[in-house]
């Protein structure tokens, strides 16, 4: 039997990048997957690819910062497949990267809403279903930024949300352990995704601190980024029974990038 046979998973931000790769991999390993994004065309494409490969997927269109929409989407997934076992809270944006005195309150609020509130709402409305299933696994997509790397100019809002996600993960790992729910985080470095499409840099040169790097900023790969499926493999491991004794752990997946920078 496939590793996730009989299991039901929710993946947010499943329309592209790490979320899509994770949804495809979980479905390939037997899970029925709720693929959630705020872009209908993207999730329909992800669901179509999964179905064409013989898997099961339910497209769910919702803004992760909208409480009512997230509750409805997660309840629909659990109703459709009868349970929920795995949650990958992946949806996020880079948002505006700018010097602190040029970062507008609305820029800050948007990044917090998607990355931090979105993670909270995803877990908030998934946990009752995980408890009803007798346990499960939650994986949060954080970043090296705000957890082990602090040198990217203008990332105050983004880094704050990523640090908050790890703090949330650790608190919940303890809180949910009696319910057999494990909670961990993946912290990617430079991954070849489309996240730059939702990055809005503004006068970053004013916030930069000059650093001279050795040749090749990513030691293990000589400067090449990782792939979305590299991260998806880690997500699948943390969500599986192979990681049954792991909870409360951030795992950096960056080929040594954050050690250097």
C-alpha atoms as a PDB file:
ATOM      1  CA  UNK A   1       0.000   0.000   0.000  1.00  0.00           C
ATOM      2  CA  UNK A   2       1.188   3.541  -0.712  1.00  0.00           C
ATOM      3  CA  UNK A   3       2.538   5.377   2.321  1.00  0.00           C
ATOM      4  CA  UNK A   4      -0.500   7.638   2.664  1.00  0.00           C
ATOM      5  CA  UNK A   5      -3.136   5.157   1.559  1.00  0.00           C
ATOM      6  CA  UNK A   6      -6.458   5.915   3.263  1.00  0.00           C
ATOM      7  CA  UNK A   7      -5.208   9.284   4.504  1.00  0.00           C
ATOM      8  CA  UNK A   8      -6.581  12.734   3.709  1.00  0.00           C
ATOM      9  CA  UNK A   9      -4.303  15.765   3.418  1.00  0.00           C
ATOM     10  CA  UNK A  10      -4.799  19.504   3.138  1.00  0.00           C
ATOM     11  CA  UNK A  11      -2.192  21.594   1.318  1.00  0.00           C
ATOM     12  CA  UNK A  12      -2.533  25.370   1.236  1.00  0.00           C
ATOM     13  CA  UNK A  13      -0.832  27.402  -1.452  1.00  0.00           C
ATOM     14  CA  UNK A  14      -1.197  24.316  -3.642  1.00  0.00           C
ATOM     15  CA  UNK A  15      -1.470  26.176  -6.929  1.00  0.00           C
ATOM     16  CA  UNK A  16       2.271  26.391  -7.560  1.00  0.00           C
ATOM     17  CA  UNK A  17       5.750  25.838  -6.204  1.00  0.00           C
ATOM     18  CA  UNK A  18       6.317  23.928  -2.976  1.00  0.00           C
ATOM     19  CA  UNK A  19       2.595  23.546  -2.286  1.00  0.00           C
ATOM     20  CA  UNK A  20       1.838  22.048  -5.661  1.00  0.00           C
ATOM     21  CA  UNK A  21       4.815  19.709  -5.521  1.00  0.00           C
ATOM     22  CA  UNK A  22       3.785  18.540  -2.049  1.00  0.00           C
ATOM     23  CA  UNK A  23       0.173  17.968  -3.085  1.00  0.00           C
ATOM     24  CA  UNK A  24       1.272  15.952  -6.113  1.00  0.00           C
ATOM     25  CA  UNK A  25       3.670  13.850  -4.042  1.00  0.00           C
ATOM     26  CA  UNK A  26       1.178  13.164  -1.245  1.00  0.00           C
ATOM     27  CA  UNK A  27      -1.432  12.134  -3.830  1.00  0.00           C
ATOM     28  CA  UNK A  28       1.111   9.910  -5.575  1.00  0.00           C
ATOM     29  CA  UNK A  29       1.672   8.192  -2.222  1.00  0.00           C
ATOM     30  CA  UNK A  30      -2.037   7.492  -1.811  1.00  0.00           C
ATOM     31  CA  UNK A  31      -3.519  10.482   0.009  1.00  0.00           C
ATOM     32  CA  UNK A  32      -6.710  12.197  -1.032  1.00  0.00           C
ATOM     33  CA  UNK A  33      -5.633  15.840  -1.138  1.00  0.00           C
ATOM     34  CA  UNK A  34      -7.494  19.084  -0.626  1.00  0.00           C
ATOM     35  CA  UNK A  35      -5.587  21.554  -2.790  1.00  0.00           C
ATOM     36  CA  UNK A  36      -6.262  25.079  -1.573  1.00  0.00           C
ATOM     37  CA  UNK A  37      -5.378  28.449  -3.067  1.00  0.00           C
ATOM     38  CA  UNK A  38      -7.013  31.808  -3.664  1.00  0.00           C
ATOM     39  CA  UNK A  39      -6.612  31.325  -7.422  1.00  0.00           C
ATOM     40  CA  UNK A  40      -9.255  28.997  -8.856  1.00  0.00           C
ATOM     41  CA  UNK A  41      -7.460  28.289 -12.125  1.00  0.00           C
ATOM     42  CA  UNK A  42      -4.269  27.203 -10.319  1.00  0.00           C
ATOM     43  CA  UNK A  43      -5.906  24.710  -8.005  1.00  0.00           C
ATOM     44  CA  UNK A  44      -8.034  23.280 -10.776  1.00  0.00           C
ATOM     45  CA  UNK A  45      -4.832  22.649 -12.719  1.00  0.00           C
ATOM     46  CA  UNK A  46      -3.191  20.994  -9.708  1.00  0.00           C
ATOM     47  CA  UNK A  47      -6.264  18.837  -9.119  1.00  0.00           C
ATOM     48  CA  UNK A  48      -6.380  17.900 -12.804  1.00  0.00           C
ATOM     49  CA  UNK A  49      -2.746  16.791 -12.813  1.00  0.00           C
ATOM     50  CA  UNK A  50      -3.332  14.670  -9.725  1.00  0.00           C
ATOM     51  CA  UNK A  51      -6.458  13.083 -11.213  1.00  0.00           C
ATOM     52  CA  UNK A  52      -4.715  12.346 -14.505  1.00  0.00           C
ATOM     53  CA  UNK A  53      -2.010  10.527 -12.565  1.00  0.00           C
ATOM     54  CA  UNK A  54      -4.653   8.371 -10.877  1.00  0.00           C
ATOM     55  CA  UNK A  55      -4.908  10.290  -7.608  1.00  0.00           C
ATOM     56  CA  UNK A  56      -7.724  12.053  -5.790  1.00  0.00           C
ATOM     57  CA  UNK A  57      -7.865  15.804  -5.247  1.00  0.00           C
ATOM     58  CA  UNK A  58     -10.482  18.331  -4.222  1.00  0.00           C
ATOM     59  CA  UNK A  59      -9.899  21.927  -5.384  1.00  0.00           C
ATOM     60  CA  UNK A  60     -10.652  24.435  -2.625  1.00  0.00           C
ATOM     61  CA  UNK A  61     -10.610  28.157  -3.384  1.00  0.00           C
ATOM     62  CA  UNK A  62     -10.117  30.355  -0.321  1.00  0.00           C
ATOM     63  CA  UNK A  63      -8.058  33.247   0.981  1.00  0.00           C
ATOM     64  CA  UNK A  64      -6.080  31.844   3.926  1.00  0.00           C
ATOM     65  CA  UNK A  65      -6.545  35.109   5.830  1.00  0.00           C
ATOM     66  CA  UNK A  66     -10.357  34.818   5.660  1.00  0.00           C
ATOM     67  CA  UNK A  67     -11.643  32.902   8.691  1.00  0.00           C
ATOM     68  CA  UNK A  68     -15.083  32.038   7.305  1.00  0.00           C
ATOM     69  CA  UNK A  69     -13.667  30.906   3.974  1.00  0.00           C
ATOM     70  CA  UNK A  70     -11.024  28.710   5.602  1.00  0.00           C
ATOM     71  CA  UNK A  71     -13.468  27.099   7.986  1.00  0.00           C
ATOM     72  CA  UNK A  72     -15.844  26.319   5.126  1.00  0.00           C
ATOM     73  CA  UNK A  73     -13.083  24.932   2.902  1.00  0.00           C
ATOM     74  CA  UNK A  74     -11.613  22.661   5.576  1.00  0.00           C
ATOM     75  CA  UNK A  75     -15.020  21.434   6.701  1.00  0.00           C
ATOM     76  CA  UNK A  76     -15.856  20.669   3.065  1.00  0.00           C
ATOM     77  CA  UNK A  77     -12.679  18.621   2.663  1.00  0.00           C
ATOM     78  CA  UNK A  78     -13.332  16.600   5.805  1.00  0.00           C
ATOM     79  CA  UNK A  79     -16.949  16.048   4.768  1.00  0.00           C
ATOM     80  CA  UNK A  80     -15.986  14.971   1.235  1.00  0.00           C
ATOM     81  CA  UNK A  81     -13.443  12.364   2.320  1.00  0.00           C
ATOM     82  CA  UNK A  82     -14.640  11.595   5.851  1.00  0.00           C
ATOM     83  CA  UNK A  83     -11.528  12.626   7.765  1.00  0.00           C
ATOM     84  CA  UNK A  84      -8.373  14.749   7.849  1.00  0.00           C
ATOM     85  CA  UNK A  85      -4.940  13.374   8.731  1.00  0.00           C
ATOM     86  CA  UNK A  86      -2.255  15.663   7.312  1.00  0.00           C
ATOM     87  CA  UNK A  87      -2.023  19.462   7.062  1.00  0.00           C
ATOM     88  CA  UNK A  88       0.671  21.356   5.185  1.00  0.00           C
ATOM     89  CA  UNK A  89       0.262  25.050   6.040  1.00  0.00           C
ATOM     90  CA  UNK A  90       2.295  26.338   3.131  1.00  0.00           C
ATOM     91  CA  UNK A  91       0.518  29.400   1.727  1.00  0.00           C
ATOM     92  CA  UNK A  92       2.552  32.568   2.004  1.00  0.00           C
ATOM     93  CA  UNK A  93       3.865  35.673   0.306  1.00  0.00           C
ATOM     94  CA  UNK A  94       7.141  37.557   0.374  1.00  0.00           C
ATOM     95  CA  UNK A  95       5.200  40.816   0.320  1.00  0.00           C
ATOM     96  CA  UNK A  96       6.961  44.169   0.340  1.00  0.00           C
ATOM     97  CA  UNK A  97      10.683  44.121   1.093  1.00  0.00           C
ATOM     98  CA  UNK A  98      11.789  47.635   2.022  1.00  0.00           C
ATOM     99  CA  UNK A  99      13.740  49.646   4.593  1.00  0.00           C
ATOM    100  CA  UNK A 100      11.786  49.885   7.840  1.00  0.00           C
ATOM    101  CA  UNK A 101      11.109  53.613   7.377  1.00  0.00           C
ATOM    102  CA  UNK A 102       9.603  52.908   3.941  1.00  0.00           C
ATOM    103  CA  UNK A 103       7.564  49.864   4.941  1.00  0.00           C
ATOM    104  CA  UNK A 104       3.987  51.102   5.113  1.00  0.00           C
ATOM    105  CA  UNK A 105       1.556  49.790   7.743  1.00  0.00           C
ATOM    106  CA  UNK A 106      -0.623  48.278   5.011  1.00  0.00           C
ATOM    107  CA  UNK A 107       2.441  46.424   3.637  1.00  0.00           C
ATOM    108  CA  UNK A 108       3.100  44.992   7.089  1.00  0.00           C
ATOM    109  CA  UNK A 109      -0.552  44.084   7.641  1.00  0.00           C
ATOM    110  CA  UNK A 110      -0.830  42.177   4.353  1.00  0.00           C
ATOM    111  CA  UNK A 111       2.241  40.041   5.021  1.00  0.00           C
ATOM    112  CA  UNK A 112       1.089  39.315   8.575  1.00  0.00           C
ATOM    113  CA  UNK A 113      -2.429  38.491   7.343  1.00  0.00           C
ATOM    114  CA  UNK A 114      -1.345  35.893   4.803  1.00  0.00           C
ATOM    115  CA  UNK A 115       1.683  34.334   6.472  1.00  0.00           C
ATOM    116  CA  UNK A 116       0.872  34.464  10.175  1.00  0.00           C
ATOM    117  CA  UNK A 117      -2.918  34.736  10.361  1.00  0.00           C
ATOM    118  CA  UNK A 118      -3.220  32.323   7.436  1.00  0.00           C
ATOM    119  CA  UNK A 119      -1.159  29.704   9.266  1.00  0.00           C
ATOM    120  CA  UNK A 120      -3.206  30.211  12.427  1.00  0.00           C
ATOM    121  CA  UNK A 121      -6.539  29.864  10.618  1.00  0.00           C
ATOM    122  CA  UNK A 122      -5.395  26.776   8.713  1.00  0.00           C
ATOM    123  CA  UNK A 123      -4.397  25.015  11.909  1.00  0.00           C
ATOM    124  CA  UNK A 124      -7.301  26.403  13.956  1.00  0.00           C
ATOM    125  CA  UNK A 125      -9.941  24.877  11.712  1.00  0.00           C
ATOM    126  CA  UNK A 126      -8.021  21.692  10.886  1.00  0.00           C
ATOM    127  CA  UNK A 127      -7.276  20.597  14.452  1.00  0.00           C
ATOM    128  CA  UNK A 128     -10.841  19.493  15.356  1.00  0.00           C
ATOM    129  CA  UNK A 129     -10.802  17.159  12.351  1.00  0.00           C
ATOM    130  CA  UNK A 130      -7.328  15.824  13.205  1.00  0.00           C
ATOM    131  CA  UNK A 131      -8.513  15.111  16.737  1.00  0.00           C
ATOM    132  CA  UNK A 132     -11.583  13.337  15.384  1.00  0.00           C
ATOM    133  CA  UNK A 133      -9.317  11.147  13.240  1.00  0.00           C
ATOM    134  CA  UNK A 134      -7.333  10.123  16.320  1.00  0.00           C
ATOM    135  CA  UNK A 135      -4.228  12.141  15.488  1.00  0.00           C
ATOM    136  CA  UNK A 136      -2.207  13.312  12.537  1.00  0.00           C
ATOM    137  CA  UNK A 137       0.584  15.564  11.377  1.00  0.00           C
ATOM    138  CA  UNK A 138       0.887  19.287  10.746  1.00  0.00           C
ATOM    139  CA  UNK A 139       3.797  20.733   8.770  1.00  0.00           C
ATOM    140  CA  UNK A 140       4.308  24.495   8.590  1.00  0.00           C
ATOM    141  CA  UNK A 141       6.319  26.134   5.806  1.00  0.00           C
ATOM    142  CA  UNK A 142       8.587  28.691   7.457  1.00  0.00           C
ATOM    143  CA  UNK A 143      11.914  29.884   5.998  1.00  0.00           C
ATOM    144  CA  UNK A 144      15.581  30.331   6.764  1.00  0.00           C
ATOM    145  CA  UNK A 145      14.711  34.054   6.983  1.00  0.00           C
ATOM    146  CA  UNK A 146      13.823  34.968  10.544  1.00  0.00           C
ATOM    147  CA  UNK A 147      14.944  31.594  11.897  1.00  0.00           C
ATOM    148  CA  UNK A 148      18.601  31.196  10.936  1.00  0.00           C
ATOM    149  CA  UNK A 149      19.357  33.922   8.397  1.00  0.00           C
ATOM    150  CA  UNK A 150      18.887  37.651   8.996  1.00  0.00           C
ATOM    151  CA  UNK A 151      20.948  39.232   6.211  1.00  0.00           C
ATOM    152  CA  UNK A 152      18.313  39.703   3.488  1.00  0.00           C
ATOM    153  CA  UNK A 153      17.694  43.428   3.295  1.00  0.00           C
ATOM    154  CA  UNK A 154      14.215  44.800   3.906  1.00  0.00           C
ATOM    155  CA  UNK A 155      12.630  41.548   5.090  1.00  0.00           C
ATOM    156  CA  UNK A 156      11.378  42.803   8.456  1.00  0.00           C
ATOM    157  CA  UNK A 157       7.741  41.826   7.926  1.00  0.00           C
ATOM    158  CA  UNK A 158       8.472  38.568   6.137  1.00  0.00           C
ATOM    159  CA  UNK A 159      11.103  37.439   8.647  1.00  0.00           C
ATOM    160  CA  UNK A 160       8.825  38.325  11.570  1.00  0.00           C
ATOM    161  CA  UNK A 161       6.102  36.042  10.197  1.00  0.00           C
ATOM    162  CA  UNK A 162       8.535  33.189   9.614  1.00  0.00           C
ATOM    163  CA  UNK A 163       9.907  33.428  13.149  1.00  0.00           C
ATOM    164  CA  UNK A 164       6.334  33.544  14.472  1.00  0.00           C
ATOM    165  CA  UNK A 165       5.456  30.383  12.552  1.00  0.00           C
ATOM    166  CA  UNK A 166       8.269  28.468  14.247  1.00  0.00           C
ATOM    167  CA  UNK A 167       7.225  29.763  17.671  1.00  0.00           C
ATOM    168  CA  UNK A 168       3.615  28.748  16.953  1.00  0.00           C
ATOM    169  CA  UNK A 169       4.756  25.328  15.785  1.00  0.00           C
ATOM    170  CA  UNK A 170       6.716  24.677  18.975  1.00  0.00           C
ATOM    171  CA  UNK A 171       3.893  25.746  21.275  1.00  0.00           C
ATOM    172  CA  UNK A 172       1.400  23.594  19.386  1.00  0.00           C
ATOM    173  CA  UNK A 173       3.703  20.579  19.306  1.00  0.00           C
ATOM    174  CA  UNK A 174       3.434  20.439  23.090  1.00  0.00           C
ATOM    175  CA  UNK A 175      -0.245  21.382  23.241  1.00  0.00           C
ATOM    176  CA  UNK A 176      -1.326  18.806  20.661  1.00  0.00           C
ATOM    177  CA  UNK A 177       0.968  15.937  21.661  1.00  0.00           C
ATOM    178  CA  UNK A 178      -1.662  14.364  23.977  1.00  0.00           C
ATOM    179  CA  UNK A 179      -3.929  14.142  20.925  1.00  0.00           C
ATOM    180  CA  UNK A 180      -1.264  12.288  18.886  1.00  0.00           C
ATOM    181  CA  UNK A 181      -0.867  15.280  16.578  1.00  0.00           C
ATOM    182  CA  UNK A 182       2.714  16.062  15.586  1.00  0.00           C
ATOM    183  CA  UNK A 183       3.692  19.593  14.512  1.00  0.00           C
ATOM    184  CA  UNK A 184       6.917  20.428  12.675  1.00  0.00           C
ATOM    185  CA  UNK A 185       8.229  23.089  10.305  1.00  0.00           C
ATOM    186  CA  UNK A 186      10.259  23.091   7.124  1.00  0.00           C
ATOM    187  CA  UNK A 187      12.537  26.090   6.619  1.00  0.00           C
ATOM    188  CA  UNK A 188      13.567  26.339   2.965  1.00  0.00           C
ATOM    189  CA  UNK A 189      16.343  28.497   1.603  1.00  0.00           C
ATOM    190  CA  UNK A 190      16.528  29.452  -2.057  1.00  0.00           C
ATOM    191  CA  UNK A 191      14.069  27.210  -3.886  1.00  0.00           C
ATOM    192  CA  UNK A 192      13.211  27.548  -7.561  1.00  0.00           C
ATOM    193  CA  UNK A 193       9.560  28.664  -7.276  1.00  0.00           C
ATOM    194  CA  UNK A 194       7.325  31.521  -8.420  1.00  0.00           C
ATOM    195  CA  UNK A 195       7.350  33.304  -5.050  1.00  0.00           C
ATOM    196  CA  UNK A 196       9.227  36.199  -6.628  1.00  0.00           C
ATOM    197  CA  UNK A 197       5.969  37.002  -8.411  1.00  0.00           C
ATOM    198  CA  UNK A 198       4.528  38.206  -5.085  1.00  0.00           C
ATOM    199  CA  UNK A 199       7.676  39.989  -3.908  1.00  0.00           C
ATOM    200  CA  UNK A 200       7.656  43.781  -4.118  1.00  0.00           C
ATOM    201  CA  UNK A 201      11.146  45.180  -3.452  1.00  0.00           C
ATOM    202  CA  UNK A 202      11.411  48.866  -2.660  1.00  0.00           C
ATOM    203  CA  UNK A 203      14.757  50.700  -2.346  1.00  0.00           C
ATOM    204  CA  UNK A 204      16.492  47.663  -0.864  1.00  0.00           C
ATOM    205  CA  UNK A 205      19.903  49.212  -1.398  1.00  0.00           C
ATOM    206  CA  UNK A 206      19.096  51.546   1.528  1.00  0.00           C
ATOM    207  CA  UNK A 207      18.729  48.594   3.876  1.00  0.00           C
ATOM    208  CA  UNK A 208      21.590  46.423   2.673  1.00  0.00           C
ATOM    209  CA  UNK A 209      24.673  45.741   4.757  1.00  0.00           C
ATOM    210  CA  UNK A 210      27.686  44.849   2.585  1.00  0.00           C
ATOM    211  CA  UNK A 211      28.802  41.243   2.971  1.00  0.00           C
ATOM    212  CA  UNK A 212      31.447  39.519   0.891  1.00  0.00           C
ATOM    213  CA  UNK A 213      30.500  35.903   0.289  1.00  0.00           C
ATOM    214  CA  UNK A 214      32.817  33.075  -0.684  1.00  0.00           C
ATOM    215  CA  UNK A 215      32.322  31.731  -4.185  1.00  0.00           C
ATOM    216  CA  UNK A 216      28.968  29.958  -4.338  1.00  0.00           C
ATOM    217  CA  UNK A 217      26.371  31.198  -1.871  1.00  0.00           C
ATOM    218  CA  UNK A 218      24.848  27.718  -1.464  1.00  0.00           C
ATOM    219  CA  UNK A 219      27.742  25.460  -0.447  1.00  0.00           C
ATOM    220  CA  UNK A 220      26.275  22.039  -1.238  1.00  0.00           C
ATOM    221  CA  UNK A 221      25.154  22.927  -4.769  1.00  0.00           C
ATOM    222  CA  UNK A 222      27.651  25.578  -5.796  1.00  0.00           C
ATOM    223  CA  UNK A 223      25.013  28.304  -5.823  1.00  0.00           C
ATOM    224  CA  UNK A 224      22.136  26.427  -7.459  1.00  0.00           C
ATOM    225  CA  UNK A 225      18.671  26.631  -5.851  1.00  0.00           C
ATOM    226  CA  UNK A 226      16.767  23.592  -4.692  1.00  0.00           C
ATOM    227  CA  UNK A 227      13.579  22.372  -6.320  1.00  0.00           C
ATOM    228  CA  UNK A 228      10.042  22.369  -4.992  1.00  0.00           C
ATOM    229  CA  UNK A 229      10.126  18.565  -4.952  1.00  0.00           C
ATOM    230  CA  UNK A 230      13.187  18.623  -2.686  1.00  0.00           C
ATOM    231  CA  UNK A 231      11.017  20.367  -0.099  1.00  0.00           C
ATOM    232  CA  UNK A 232       8.012  18.166  -0.890  1.00  0.00           C
ATOM    233  CA  UNK A 233      10.046  15.063  -0.037  1.00  0.00           C
ATOM    234  CA  UNK A 234      10.804  16.535   3.394  1.00  0.00           C
ATOM    235  CA  UNK A 235       7.159  17.503   3.924  1.00  0.00           C
ATOM    236  CA  UNK A 236       6.060  13.954   3.068  1.00  0.00           C
ATOM    237  CA  UNK A 237       8.601  12.476   5.458  1.00  0.00           C
ATOM    238  CA  UNK A 238       7.527  14.708   8.362  1.00  0.00           C
ATOM    239  CA  UNK A 239       3.874  13.890   7.667  1.00  0.00           C
ATOM    240  CA  UNK A 240       4.527  10.140   7.527  1.00  0.00           C
ATOM    241  CA  UNK A 241       4.794   7.418  10.146  1.00  0.00           C
ATOM    242  CA  UNK A 242       8.538   7.365   9.527  1.00  0.00           C
ATOM    243  CA  UNK A 243       8.659  10.639  11.499  1.00  0.00           C
ATOM    244  CA  UNK A 244       6.425   9.334  14.288  1.00  0.00           C
ATOM    245  CA  UNK A 245       8.901  10.381  17.002  1.00  0.00           C
ATOM    246  CA  UNK A 246       9.532  13.888  15.619  1.00  0.00           C
ATOM    247  CA  UNK A 247       7.567  16.902  16.788  1.00  0.00           C
ATOM    248  CA  UNK A 248       8.358  20.521  17.626  1.00  0.00           C
ATOM    249  CA  UNK A 249      11.263  20.576  15.176  1.00  0.00           C
ATOM    250  CA  UNK A 250      12.205  23.145  12.541  1.00  0.00           C
ATOM    251  CA  UNK A 251      14.138  21.492   9.712  1.00  0.00           C
ATOM    252  CA  UNK A 252      16.264  23.722   7.486  1.00  0.00           C
ATOM    253  CA  UNK A 253      16.417  22.636   3.855  1.00  0.00           C
ATOM    254  CA  UNK A 254      18.844  24.991   2.147  1.00  0.00           C
ATOM    255  CA  UNK A 255      21.976  23.054   1.139  1.00  0.00           C
ATOM    256  CA  UNK A 256      23.921  24.919   3.815  1.00  0.00           C
ATOM    257  CA  UNK A 257      22.916  28.411   2.651  1.00  0.00           C
ATOM    258  CA  UNK A 258      21.861  29.731   6.041  1.00  0.00           C
ATOM    259  CA  UNK A 259      25.026  28.489   7.735  1.00  0.00           C
ATOM    260  CA  UNK A 260      27.005  30.722   5.409  1.00  0.00           C
ATOM    261  CA  UNK A 261      24.796  33.820   5.421  1.00  0.00           C
END
